[in-house]
């Protein structure tokens, strides 16, 4: 990747993409690592309304994630436990098995705003304990392989079987 023209990104200038799925998943986000010239690190700005989550409970076998809470409060499901968090907190999600599964839920009354920072792996396996699914992905150059399934079922939708989806 070439060096960016300007190695600074402003959150206020990002073009957010809105999403909604079922009664639990809603938000807006934007990935911007490439704007900074980064290829081995992923950075995403997220806004999640009160009572919502941006993604299902999941764990990564290879990639690690860190979430920097800018505004709001919520509950961080991590493994078998849940933790309250607030603006200024930093949440960690190391690679591993179901003991590192995680999900951010906005349990506050205002919008939750946070940065998600992750390592970027060419090959990754994710598990979704609430729905029993797995996701396998691999990138080689511009080619990408992505498959979602569960035991005996293949080519499933990302939201299949998730609570609230």
C-alpha atoms as a PDB file:
ATOM      1  CA  UNK A   1       0.000   0.000   0.000  1.00  0.00           C
ATOM      2  CA  UNK A   2       1.263   3.466  -0.799  1.00  0.00           C
ATOM      3  CA  UNK A   3       1.623   6.198   1.769  1.00  0.00           C
ATOM      4  CA  UNK A   4      -1.514   8.289   2.211  1.00  0.00           C
ATOM      5  CA  UNK A   5      -1.588  11.869   0.973  1.00  0.00           C
ATOM      6  CA  UNK A   6      -2.416  12.901   4.545  1.00  0.00           C
ATOM      7  CA  UNK A   7      -1.789  10.483   7.455  1.00  0.00           C
ATOM      8  CA  UNK A   8      -4.662  11.952   9.480  1.00  0.00           C
ATOM      9  CA  UNK A   9      -8.346  11.026   9.358  1.00  0.00           C
ATOM     10  CA  UNK A  10     -11.160  12.987  10.977  1.00  0.00           C
ATOM     11  CA  UNK A  11     -14.069  10.982  12.352  1.00  0.00           C
ATOM     12  CA  UNK A  12     -16.409  13.827  11.399  1.00  0.00           C
ATOM     13  CA  UNK A  13     -15.420  13.435   7.732  1.00  0.00           C
ATOM     14  CA  UNK A  14     -16.061   9.682   7.505  1.00  0.00           C
ATOM     15  CA  UNK A  15     -18.920   8.430   5.314  1.00  0.00           C
ATOM     16  CA  UNK A  16     -20.854   6.197   7.710  1.00  0.00           C
ATOM     17  CA  UNK A  17     -22.751   3.182   6.379  1.00  0.00           C
ATOM     18  CA  UNK A  18     -25.973   2.390   8.256  1.00  0.00           C
ATOM     19  CA  UNK A  19     -27.148  -1.175   8.872  1.00  0.00           C
ATOM     20  CA  UNK A  20     -30.104  -2.834  10.579  1.00  0.00           C
ATOM     21  CA  UNK A  21     -31.020  -6.470  11.185  1.00  0.00           C
ATOM     22  CA  UNK A  22     -33.942  -7.643  13.282  1.00  0.00           C
ATOM     23  CA  UNK A  23     -34.698  -6.142  16.669  1.00  0.00           C
ATOM     24  CA  UNK A  24     -31.167  -6.110  18.172  1.00  0.00           C
ATOM     25  CA  UNK A  25     -28.644  -5.111  15.497  1.00  0.00           C
ATOM     26  CA  UNK A  26     -28.446  -1.528  14.302  1.00  0.00           C
ATOM     27  CA  UNK A  27     -25.806   1.108  13.811  1.00  0.00           C
ATOM     28  CA  UNK A  28     -23.567   3.051  11.481  1.00  0.00           C
ATOM     29  CA  UNK A  29     -19.879   2.522  10.882  1.00  0.00           C
ATOM     30  CA  UNK A  30     -16.930   3.322   8.659  1.00  0.00           C
ATOM     31  CA  UNK A  31     -13.615   1.584   8.138  1.00  0.00           C
ATOM     32  CA  UNK A  32     -10.727   3.990   7.700  1.00  0.00           C
ATOM     33  CA  UNK A  33      -7.375   2.215   8.117  1.00  0.00           C
ATOM     34  CA  UNK A  34      -6.733   2.463   4.376  1.00  0.00           C
ATOM     35  CA  UNK A  35      -7.152   6.272   4.549  1.00  0.00           C
ATOM     36  CA  UNK A  36      -4.168   6.266   6.901  1.00  0.00           C
ATOM     37  CA  UNK A  37      -2.117   3.951   4.678  1.00  0.00           C
ATOM     38  CA  UNK A  38      -2.437   1.003   7.088  1.00  0.00           C
ATOM     39  CA  UNK A  39      -2.725  -2.545   5.751  1.00  0.00           C
ATOM     40  CA  UNK A  40      -1.943  -4.743   8.780  1.00  0.00           C
ATOM     41  CA  UNK A  41      -4.272  -2.937  11.164  1.00  0.00           C
ATOM     42  CA  UNK A  42      -8.024  -2.462  10.855  1.00  0.00           C
ATOM     43  CA  UNK A  43      -9.786   0.577  12.325  1.00  0.00           C
ATOM     44  CA  UNK A  44     -13.531   1.121  12.330  1.00  0.00           C
ATOM     45  CA  UNK A  45     -15.583   3.934  13.839  1.00  0.00           C
ATOM     46  CA  UNK A  46     -18.967   2.709  15.184  1.00  0.00           C
ATOM     47  CA  UNK A  47     -22.166   4.407  16.333  1.00  0.00           C
ATOM     48  CA  UNK A  48     -24.789   2.180  17.976  1.00  0.00           C
ATOM     49  CA  UNK A  49     -28.207   3.439  19.177  1.00  0.00           C
ATOM     50  CA  UNK A  50     -29.527   2.724  22.672  1.00  0.00           C
ATOM     51  CA  UNK A  51     -30.640  -0.881  23.171  1.00  0.00           C
ATOM     52  CA  UNK A  52     -28.747  -2.179  20.122  1.00  0.00           C
ATOM     53  CA  UNK A  53     -25.587  -4.106  19.232  1.00  0.00           C
ATOM     54  CA  UNK A  54     -23.485  -3.890  16.079  1.00  0.00           C
ATOM     55  CA  UNK A  55     -22.746  -7.607  15.769  1.00  0.00           C
ATOM     56  CA  UNK A  56     -23.494 -11.054  17.208  1.00  0.00           C
ATOM     57  CA  UNK A  57     -21.553 -12.681  20.056  1.00  0.00           C
ATOM     58  CA  UNK A  58     -18.427 -14.111  18.367  1.00  0.00           C
ATOM     59  CA  UNK A  59     -14.775 -15.047  18.796  1.00  0.00           C
ATOM     60  CA  UNK A  60     -11.794 -14.918  16.456  1.00  0.00           C
ATOM     61  CA  UNK A  61      -9.215 -17.696  16.218  1.00  0.00           C
ATOM     62  CA  UNK A  62      -6.517 -15.428  14.721  1.00  0.00           C
ATOM     63  CA  UNK A  63      -7.337 -11.721  14.858  1.00  0.00           C
ATOM     64  CA  UNK A  64      -7.288  -9.635  18.021  1.00  0.00           C
ATOM     65  CA  UNK A  65      -9.550  -6.668  18.655  1.00  0.00           C
ATOM     66  CA  UNK A  66      -9.576  -3.651  20.942  1.00  0.00           C
ATOM     67  CA  UNK A  67     -12.469  -1.238  21.434  1.00  0.00           C
ATOM     68  CA  UNK A  68     -11.963   2.338  22.625  1.00  0.00           C
ATOM     69  CA  UNK A  69     -15.190   3.769  24.039  1.00  0.00           C
ATOM     70  CA  UNK A  70     -15.535   7.427  23.038  1.00  0.00           C
ATOM     71  CA  UNK A  71     -19.097   8.167  24.213  1.00  0.00           C
ATOM     72  CA  UNK A  72     -21.860   6.266  25.935  1.00  0.00           C
ATOM     73  CA  UNK A  73     -22.048   3.174  28.081  1.00  0.00           C
ATOM     74  CA  UNK A  74     -23.036  -0.426  27.761  1.00  0.00           C
ATOM     75  CA  UNK A  75     -22.450  -4.060  28.556  1.00  0.00           C
ATOM     76  CA  UNK A  76     -19.524  -6.074  27.225  1.00  0.00           C
ATOM     77  CA  UNK A  77     -20.306  -9.777  26.939  1.00  0.00           C
ATOM     78  CA  UNK A  78     -16.982 -11.566  27.198  1.00  0.00           C
ATOM     79  CA  UNK A  79     -16.843 -15.344  27.475  1.00  0.00           C
ATOM     80  CA  UNK A  80     -19.285 -16.438  30.168  1.00  0.00           C
ATOM     81  CA  UNK A  81     -19.342 -13.018  31.926  1.00  0.00           C
ATOM     82  CA  UNK A  82     -20.732  -9.534  31.276  1.00  0.00           C
ATOM     83  CA  UNK A  83     -19.067  -6.255  32.233  1.00  0.00           C
ATOM     84  CA  UNK A  84     -20.382  -2.693  32.427  1.00  0.00           C
ATOM     85  CA  UNK A  85     -18.327  -0.093  30.547  1.00  0.00           C
ATOM     86  CA  UNK A  86     -18.407   3.664  29.975  1.00  0.00           C
ATOM     87  CA  UNK A  87     -16.728   6.391  27.931  1.00  0.00           C
ATOM     88  CA  UNK A  88     -12.962   6.290  28.400  1.00  0.00           C
ATOM     89  CA  UNK A  89     -12.798   2.509  28.856  1.00  0.00           C
ATOM     90  CA  UNK A  90     -10.817   0.220  26.560  1.00  0.00           C
ATOM     91  CA  UNK A  91     -12.089  -3.327  25.922  1.00  0.00           C
ATOM     92  CA  UNK A  92      -9.872  -6.194  24.800  1.00  0.00           C
ATOM     93  CA  UNK A  93     -10.797  -9.234  22.708  1.00  0.00           C
ATOM     94  CA  UNK A  94      -7.790 -11.551  22.280  1.00  0.00           C
ATOM     95  CA  UNK A  95      -7.802 -14.347  19.738  1.00  0.00           C
ATOM     96  CA  UNK A  96      -8.909 -17.690  21.122  1.00  0.00           C
ATOM     97  CA  UNK A  97     -11.820 -20.039  21.561  1.00  0.00           C
ATOM     98  CA  UNK A  98     -15.292 -19.453  22.933  1.00  0.00           C
ATOM     99  CA  UNK A  99     -13.788 -18.200  26.196  1.00  0.00           C
ATOM    100  CA  UNK A 100     -12.870 -15.014  24.272  1.00  0.00           C
ATOM    101  CA  UNK A 101     -16.250 -14.581  22.527  1.00  0.00           C
ATOM    102  CA  UNK A 102     -17.389 -10.991  22.791  1.00  0.00           C
ATOM    103  CA  UNK A 103     -20.216  -8.593  21.997  1.00  0.00           C
ATOM    104  CA  UNK A 104     -20.765  -4.908  22.731  1.00  0.00           C
ATOM    105  CA  UNK A 105     -24.339  -3.969  23.660  1.00  0.00           C
ATOM    106  CA  UNK A 106     -25.477  -0.388  24.166  1.00  0.00           C
ATOM    107  CA  UNK A 107     -27.445  -0.628  27.412  1.00  0.00           C
ATOM    108  CA  UNK A 108     -27.307   3.145  27.955  1.00  0.00           C
ATOM    109  CA  UNK A 109     -29.899   5.729  26.955  1.00  0.00           C
ATOM    110  CA  UNK A 110     -27.741   7.614  24.411  1.00  0.00           C
ATOM    111  CA  UNK A 111     -25.800   6.642  21.306  1.00  0.00           C
ATOM    112  CA  UNK A 112     -22.665   4.580  21.886  1.00  0.00           C
ATOM    113  CA  UNK A 113     -19.605   5.700  19.889  1.00  0.00           C
ATOM    114  CA  UNK A 114     -16.402   3.688  19.786  1.00  0.00           C
ATOM    115  CA  UNK A 115     -13.363   2.771  17.734  1.00  0.00           C
ATOM    116  CA  UNK A 116     -12.721  -0.879  16.908  1.00  0.00           C
ATOM    117  CA  UNK A 117      -9.064  -1.663  16.213  1.00  0.00           C
ATOM    118  CA  UNK A 118      -7.961  -5.094  14.999  1.00  0.00           C
ATOM    119  CA  UNK A 119      -5.104  -7.035  13.577  1.00  0.00           C
ATOM    120  CA  UNK A 120      -5.715  -8.103   9.976  1.00  0.00           C
ATOM    121  CA  UNK A 121      -5.110 -11.756   9.130  1.00  0.00           C
ATOM    122  CA  UNK A 122      -5.055 -13.294   5.664  1.00  0.00           C
ATOM    123  CA  UNK A 123      -6.932 -16.320   7.024  1.00  0.00           C
ATOM    124  CA  UNK A 124      -9.445 -16.257   9.879  1.00  0.00           C
ATOM    125  CA  UNK A 125     -11.967 -18.509  11.590  1.00  0.00           C
ATOM    126  CA  UNK A 126     -14.776 -17.009  13.699  1.00  0.00           C
ATOM    127  CA  UNK A 127     -17.306 -18.840  15.851  1.00  0.00           C
ATOM    128  CA  UNK A 128     -20.763 -17.594  16.861  1.00  0.00           C
ATOM    129  CA  UNK A 129     -21.665 -19.410  20.112  1.00  0.00           C
ATOM    130  CA  UNK A 130     -25.286 -18.174  20.296  1.00  0.00           C
ATOM    131  CA  UNK A 131     -26.162 -19.643  16.887  1.00  0.00           C
ATOM    132  CA  UNK A 132     -23.600 -22.466  16.591  1.00  0.00           C
ATOM    133  CA  UNK A 133     -22.211 -21.030  13.327  1.00  0.00           C
ATOM    134  CA  UNK A 134     -18.662 -20.609  12.077  1.00  0.00           C
ATOM    135  CA  UNK A 135     -17.153 -18.328   9.455  1.00  0.00           C
ATOM    136  CA  UNK A 136     -13.995 -19.136   7.504  1.00  0.00           C
ATOM    137  CA  UNK A 137     -12.355 -16.448   5.391  1.00  0.00           C
ATOM    138  CA  UNK A 138      -9.139 -16.197   3.449  1.00  0.00           C
ATOM    139  CA  UNK A 139      -7.623 -13.448   1.326  1.00  0.00           C
ATOM    140  CA  UNK A 140      -4.937 -13.806  -1.324  1.00  0.00           C
ATOM    141  CA  UNK A 141      -4.331 -10.498  -3.068  1.00  0.00           C
ATOM    142  CA  UNK A 142      -7.699  -9.258  -4.301  1.00  0.00           C
ATOM    143  CA  UNK A 143      -9.313 -12.728  -4.108  1.00  0.00           C
ATOM    144  CA  UNK A 144     -11.433 -13.526  -1.068  1.00  0.00           C
ATOM    145  CA  UNK A 145     -13.008 -16.772   0.091  1.00  0.00           C
ATOM    146  CA  UNK A 146     -15.768 -16.543   2.712  1.00  0.00           C
ATOM    147  CA  UNK A 147     -17.948 -19.407   3.975  1.00  0.00           C
ATOM    148  CA  UNK A 148     -20.506 -19.471   6.810  1.00  0.00           C
ATOM    149  CA  UNK A 149     -21.961 -22.714   8.120  1.00  0.00           C
ATOM    150  CA  UNK A 150     -22.638 -24.953  11.081  1.00  0.00           C
ATOM    151  CA  UNK A 151     -22.397 -28.714  11.484  1.00  0.00           C
ATOM    152  CA  UNK A 152     -24.330 -30.229   8.581  1.00  0.00           C
ATOM    153  CA  UNK A 153     -25.358 -26.844   7.099  1.00  0.00           C
ATOM    154  CA  UNK A 154     -23.479 -24.733   4.570  1.00  0.00           C
ATOM    155  CA  UNK A 155     -23.707 -21.336   2.850  1.00  0.00           C
ATOM    156  CA  UNK A 156     -25.687 -19.733   5.676  1.00  0.00           C
ATOM    157  CA  UNK A 157     -26.530 -16.049   6.015  1.00  0.00           C
ATOM    158  CA  UNK A 158     -24.403 -14.075   8.498  1.00  0.00           C
ATOM    159  CA  UNK A 159     -27.466 -13.398  10.687  1.00  0.00           C
ATOM    160  CA  UNK A 160     -28.895 -16.964  10.565  1.00  0.00           C
ATOM    161  CA  UNK A 161     -29.928 -18.156  14.026  1.00  0.00           C
ATOM    162  CA  UNK A 162     -28.710 -15.063  15.906  1.00  0.00           C
ATOM    163  CA  UNK A 163     -30.933 -13.907  18.793  1.00  0.00           C
ATOM    164  CA  UNK A 164     -32.794 -10.748  17.818  1.00  0.00           C
ATOM    165  CA  UNK A 165     -31.956 -11.060  14.099  1.00  0.00           C
END
